[in-house]
Amino acid sequence: MDAKIDPCDDFYDFACGSFVRDTRIPDDKTSVNTFSIITDQLQEQIRALLD
């Protein structure tokens, strides 16, 4: 959420603006969403535990 945006003026930017602005799509992926980000983080943590 981007609290600087008035939801009455632009609800999409209010709700999704910071995610769209701050999220980068890696070269090896075609899209990114919150679930894929969490999945990647969990896989890294599991690898670290197993190493």
PDB file of N, CA and C in Angstrom:
ATOM      1  N   MET A   1       0.829  -1.175   0.000  1.00  0.00           N
ATOM      2  CA  MET A   1       0.000   0.000   0.000  1.00  0.00           C
ATOM      3  C   MET A   1       0.875   1.240   0.000  1.00  0.00           C
ATOM      4  N   ASP A   2       0.401   2.240  -0.669  1.00  0.00           N
ATOM      5  CA  ASP A   2       1.096   3.519  -0.720  1.00  0.00           C
ATOM      6  C   ASP A   2       0.207   4.556  -0.050  1.00  0.00           C
ATOM      7  N   ALA A   3       0.489   4.830   1.217  1.00  0.00           N
ATOM      8  CA  ALA A   3      -0.364   5.728   2.005  1.00  0.00           C
ATOM      9  C   ALA A   3      -0.310   7.169   1.522  1.00  0.00           C
ATOM     10  N   LYS A   4       0.670   7.490   0.654  1.00  0.00           N
ATOM     11  CA  LYS A   4       0.755   8.855   0.128  1.00  0.00           C
ATOM     12  C   LYS A   4      -0.304   9.124  -0.933  1.00  0.00           C
ATOM     13  N   ILE A   5      -0.890   8.075  -1.488  1.00  0.00           N
ATOM     14  CA  ILE A   5      -1.906   8.205  -2.530  1.00  0.00           C
ATOM     15  C   ILE A   5      -3.284   8.205  -1.888  1.00  0.00           C
ATOM     16  N   ASP A   6      -4.135   9.096  -2.338  1.00  0.00           N
ATOM     17  CA  ASP A   6      -5.518   9.133  -1.857  1.00  0.00           C
ATOM     18  C   ASP A   6      -6.297   8.024  -2.562  1.00  0.00           C
ATOM     19  N   PRO A   7      -6.854   7.060  -1.820  1.00  0.00           N
ATOM     20  CA  PRO A   7      -7.571   5.948  -2.456  1.00  0.00           C
ATOM     21  C   PRO A   7      -8.776   6.401  -3.274  1.00  0.00           C
ATOM     22  N   CYS A   8      -9.310   7.563  -2.963  1.00  0.00           N
ATOM     23  CA  CYS A   8     -10.446   8.079  -3.746  1.00  0.00           C
ATOM     24  C   CYS A   8      -9.996   8.592  -5.107  1.00  0.00           C
ATOM     25  N   ASP A   9      -8.730   8.990  -5.221  1.00  0.00           N
ATOM     26  CA  ASP A   9      -8.208   9.491  -6.493  1.00  0.00           C
ATOM     27  C   ASP A   9      -7.699   8.368  -7.385  1.00  0.00           C
ATOM     28  N   ASP A  10      -6.962   7.420  -6.801  1.00  0.00           N
ATOM     29  CA  ASP A  10      -6.368   6.337  -7.590  1.00  0.00           C
ATOM     30  C   ASP A  10      -6.219   5.102  -6.700  1.00  0.00           C
ATOM     31  N   PHE A  11      -7.253   4.289  -6.655  1.00  0.00           N
ATOM     32  CA  PHE A  11      -7.242   3.140  -5.745  1.00  0.00           C
ATOM     33  C   PHE A  11      -6.173   2.122  -6.127  1.00  0.00           C
ATOM     34  N   TYR A  12      -5.937   1.910  -7.427  1.00  0.00           N
ATOM     35  CA  TYR A  12      -4.921   0.937  -7.844  1.00  0.00           C
ATOM     36  C   TYR A  12      -3.549   1.333  -7.310  1.00  0.00           C
ATOM     37  N   ASP A  13      -3.143   2.584  -7.503  1.00  0.00           N
ATOM     38  CA  ASP A  13      -1.843   3.020  -6.990  1.00  0.00           C
ATOM     39  C   ASP A  13      -1.806   2.987  -5.467  1.00  0.00           C
ATOM     40  N   PHE A  14      -2.921   3.302  -4.821  1.00  0.00           N
ATOM     41  CA  PHE A  14      -2.987   3.225  -3.363  1.00  0.00           C
ATOM     42  C   PHE A  14      -2.745   1.791  -2.897  1.00  0.00           C
ATOM     43  N   ALA A  15      -3.412   0.831  -3.532  1.00  0.00           N
ATOM     44  CA  ALA A  15      -3.339  -0.565  -3.104  1.00  0.00           C
ATOM     45  C   ALA A  15      -2.086  -1.280  -3.597  1.00  0.00           C
ATOM     46  N   CYS A  16      -1.617  -0.982  -4.805  1.00  0.00           N
ATOM     47  CA  CYS A  16      -0.537  -1.761  -5.429  1.00  0.00           C
ATOM     48  C   CYS A  16       0.697  -0.940  -5.777  1.00  0.00           C
ATOM     49  N   GLY A  17       0.652   0.346  -5.613  1.00  0.00           N
ATOM     50  CA  GLY A  17       1.726   1.219  -6.082  1.00  0.00           C
ATOM     51  C   GLY A  17       3.092   0.890  -5.538  1.00  0.00           C
ATOM     52  N   SER A  18       3.197   0.656  -4.241  1.00  0.00           N
ATOM     53  CA  SER A  18       4.520   0.385  -3.679  1.00  0.00           C
ATOM     54  C   SER A  18       5.050  -0.974  -4.139  1.00  0.00           C
ATOM     55  N   PHE A  19       4.181  -1.965  -4.307  1.00  0.00           N
ATOM     56  CA  PHE A  19       4.628  -3.273  -4.803  1.00  0.00           C
ATOM     57  C   PHE A  19       5.155  -3.140  -6.230  1.00  0.00           C
ATOM     58  N   VAL A  20       4.409  -2.456  -7.076  1.00  0.00           N
ATOM     59  CA  VAL A  20       4.817  -2.287  -8.473  1.00  0.00           C
ATOM     60  C   VAL A  20       6.116  -1.490  -8.546  1.00  0.00           C
ATOM     61  N   ARG A  21       6.248  -0.463  -7.743  1.00  0.00           N
ATOM     62  CA  ARG A  21       7.429   0.391  -7.763  1.00  0.00           C
ATOM     63  C   ARG A  21       8.662  -0.322  -7.205  1.00  0.00           C
ATOM     64  N   ASP A  22       8.504  -1.126  -6.152  1.00  0.00           N
ATOM     65  CA  ASP A  22       9.645  -1.703  -5.443  1.00  0.00           C
ATOM     66  C   ASP A  22      10.038  -3.108  -5.887  1.00  0.00           C
ATOM     67  N   THR A  23       9.224  -3.764  -6.685  1.00  0.00           N
ATOM     68  CA  THR A  23       9.481  -5.150  -7.059  1.00  0.00           C
ATOM     69  C   THR A  23      10.163  -5.225  -8.424  1.00  0.00           C
ATOM     70  N   ARG A  24      11.231  -5.994  -8.474  1.00  0.00           N
ATOM     71  CA  ARG A  24      11.957  -6.213  -9.726  1.00  0.00           C
ATOM     72  C   ARG A  24      11.739  -7.656 -10.166  1.00  0.00           C
ATOM     73  N   ILE A  25      11.563  -7.859 -11.460  1.00  0.00           N
ATOM     74  CA  ILE A  25      11.401  -9.209 -11.998  1.00  0.00           C
ATOM     75  C   ILE A  25      12.781  -9.727 -12.392  1.00  0.00           C
ATOM     76  N   PRO A  26      13.234 -10.828 -11.790  1.00  0.00           N
ATOM     77  CA  PRO A  26      14.538 -11.392 -12.148  1.00  0.00           C
ATOM     78  C   PRO A  26      14.570 -11.833 -13.613  1.00  0.00           C
ATOM     79  N   ASP A  27      15.765 -11.888 -14.169  1.00  0.00           N
ATOM     80  CA  ASP A  27      15.919 -12.266 -15.576  1.00  0.00           C
ATOM     81  C   ASP A  27      15.412 -13.672 -15.868  1.00  0.00           C
ATOM     82  N   ASP A  28      15.459 -14.560 -14.873  1.00  0.00           N
ATOM     83  CA  ASP A  28      15.060 -15.944 -15.117  1.00  0.00           C
ATOM     84  C   ASP A  28      13.564 -16.185 -14.910  1.00  0.00           C
ATOM     85  N   LYS A  29      12.792 -15.123 -14.675  1.00  0.00           N
ATOM     86  CA  LYS A  29      11.349 -15.271 -14.457  1.00  0.00           C
ATOM     87  C   LYS A  29      10.577 -14.342 -15.386  1.00  0.00           C
ATOM     88  N   THR A  30       9.353 -14.746 -15.674  1.00  0.00           N
ATOM     89  CA  THR A  30       8.510 -13.911 -16.532  1.00  0.00           C
ATOM     90  C   THR A  30       7.556 -13.044 -15.735  1.00  0.00           C
ATOM     91  N   SER A  31       7.336 -13.412 -14.476  1.00  0.00           N
ATOM     92  CA  SER A  31       6.461 -12.620 -13.612  1.00  0.00           C
ATOM     93  C   SER A  31       6.828 -12.861 -12.157  1.00  0.00           C
ATOM     94  N   VAL A  32       6.340 -11.987 -11.299  1.00  0.00           N
ATOM     95  CA  VAL A  32       6.586 -12.097  -9.867  1.00  0.00           C
ATOM     96  C   VAL A  32       5.310 -11.675  -9.152  1.00  0.00           C
ATOM     97  N   ASN A  33       4.983 -12.409  -8.089  1.00  0.00           N
ATOM     98  CA  ASN A  33       3.877 -11.999  -7.230  1.00  0.00           C
ATOM     99  C   ASN A  33       4.274 -12.282  -5.787  1.00  0.00           C
ATOM    100  N   THR A  34       3.434 -11.920  -4.854  1.00  0.00           N
ATOM    101  CA  THR A  34       3.804 -12.088  -3.448  1.00  0.00           C
ATOM    102  C   THR A  34       4.059 -13.546  -3.093  1.00  0.00           C
ATOM    103  N   PHE A  35       3.310 -14.462  -3.689  1.00  0.00           N
ATOM    104  CA  PHE A  35       3.502 -15.884  -3.392  1.00  0.00           C
ATOM    105  C   PHE A  35       4.840 -16.391  -3.929  1.00  0.00           C
ATOM    106  N   SER A  36       5.232 -15.956  -5.117  1.00  0.00           N
ATOM    107  CA  SER A  36       6.515 -16.412  -5.662  1.00  0.00           C
ATOM    108  C   SER A  36       7.681 -15.829  -4.870  1.00  0.00           C
ATOM    109  N   ILE A  37       7.537 -14.616  -4.374  1.00  0.00           N
ATOM    110  CA  ILE A  37       8.582 -14.009  -3.547  1.00  0.00           C
ATOM    111  C   ILE A  37       8.741 -14.795  -2.249  1.00  0.00           C
ATOM    112  N   ILE A  38       7.634 -15.116  -1.604  1.00  0.00           N
ATOM    113  CA  ILE A  38       7.682 -15.885  -0.357  1.00  0.00           C
ATOM    114  C   ILE A  38       8.248 -17.280  -0.604  1.00  0.00           C
ATOM    115  N   THR A  39       7.852 -17.910  -1.703  1.00  0.00           N
ATOM    116  CA  THR A  39       8.367 -19.236  -2.044  1.00  0.00           C
ATOM    117  C   THR A  39       9.874 -19.201  -2.229  1.00  0.00           C
ATOM    118  N   ASP A  40      10.379 -18.213  -2.944  1.00  0.00           N
ATOM    119  CA  ASP A  40      11.822 -18.091  -3.154  1.00  0.00           C
ATOM    120  C   ASP A  40      12.558 -17.891  -1.827  1.00  0.00           C
ATOM    121  N   GLN A  41      12.006 -17.059  -0.956  1.00  0.00           N
ATOM    122  CA  GLN A  41      12.638 -16.821   0.340  1.00  0.00           C
ATOM    123  C   GLN A  41      12.661 -18.092   1.184  1.00  0.00           C
ATOM    124  N   LEU A  42      11.573 -18.839   1.175  1.00  0.00           N
ATOM    125  CA  LEU A  42      11.525 -20.090   1.934  1.00  0.00           C
ATOM    126  C   LEU A  42      12.508 -21.114   1.394  1.00  0.00           C
ATOM    127  N   GLN A  43      12.633 -21.206   0.078  1.00  0.00           N
ATOM    128  CA  GLN A  43      13.585 -22.145  -0.512  1.00  0.00           C
ATOM    129  C   GLN A  43      15.015 -21.790  -0.124  1.00  0.00           C
ATOM    130  N   GLU A  44      15.339 -20.500  -0.088  1.00  0.00           N
ATOM    131  CA  GLU A  44      16.671 -20.079   0.333  1.00  0.00           C
ATOM    132  C   GLU A  44      16.924 -20.445   1.791  1.00  0.00           C
ATOM    133  N   GLN A  45      15.918 -20.260   2.644  1.00  0.00           N
ATOM    134  CA  GLN A  45      16.069 -20.605   4.058  1.00  0.00           C
ATOM    135  C   GLN A  45      16.242 -22.110   4.246  1.00  0.00           C
ATOM    136  N   ILE A  46      15.502 -22.902   3.500  1.00  0.00           N
ATOM    137  CA  ILE A  46      15.623 -24.361   3.591  1.00  0.00           C
ATOM    138  C   ILE A  46      17.000 -24.807   3.130  1.00  0.00           C
ATOM    139  N   ARG A  47      17.495 -24.236   2.021  1.00  0.00           N
ATOM    140  CA  ARG A  47      18.840 -24.580   1.545  1.00  0.00           C
ATOM    141  C   ARG A  47      19.891 -24.251   2.603  1.00  0.00           C
ATOM    142  N   ALA A  48      19.739 -23.081   3.242  1.00  0.00           N
ATOM    143  CA  ALA A  48      20.699 -22.671   4.272  1.00  0.00           C
ATOM    144  C   ALA A  48      20.667 -23.628   5.461  1.00  0.00           C
ATOM    145  N   LEU A  49      19.490 -24.106   5.825  1.00  0.00           N
ATOM    146  CA  LEU A  49      19.383 -25.052   6.933  1.00  0.00           C
ATOM    147  C   LEU A  49      20.005 -26.400   6.593  1.00  0.00           C
ATOM    148  N   LEU A  50      19.871 -26.825   5.348  1.00  0.00           N
ATOM    149  CA  LEU A  50      20.375 -28.131   4.942  1.00  0.00           C
ATOM    150  C   LEU A  50      21.871 -28.133   4.650  1.00  0.00           C
ATOM    151  N   ASP A  51      22.439 -26.977   4.403  1.00  0.00           N
ATOM    152  CA  ASP A  51      23.884 -26.904   4.112  1.00  0.00           C
ATOM    153  C   ASP A  51      24.722 -26.953   5.350  1.00  0.00           C
TER     154      ASP A  51
END
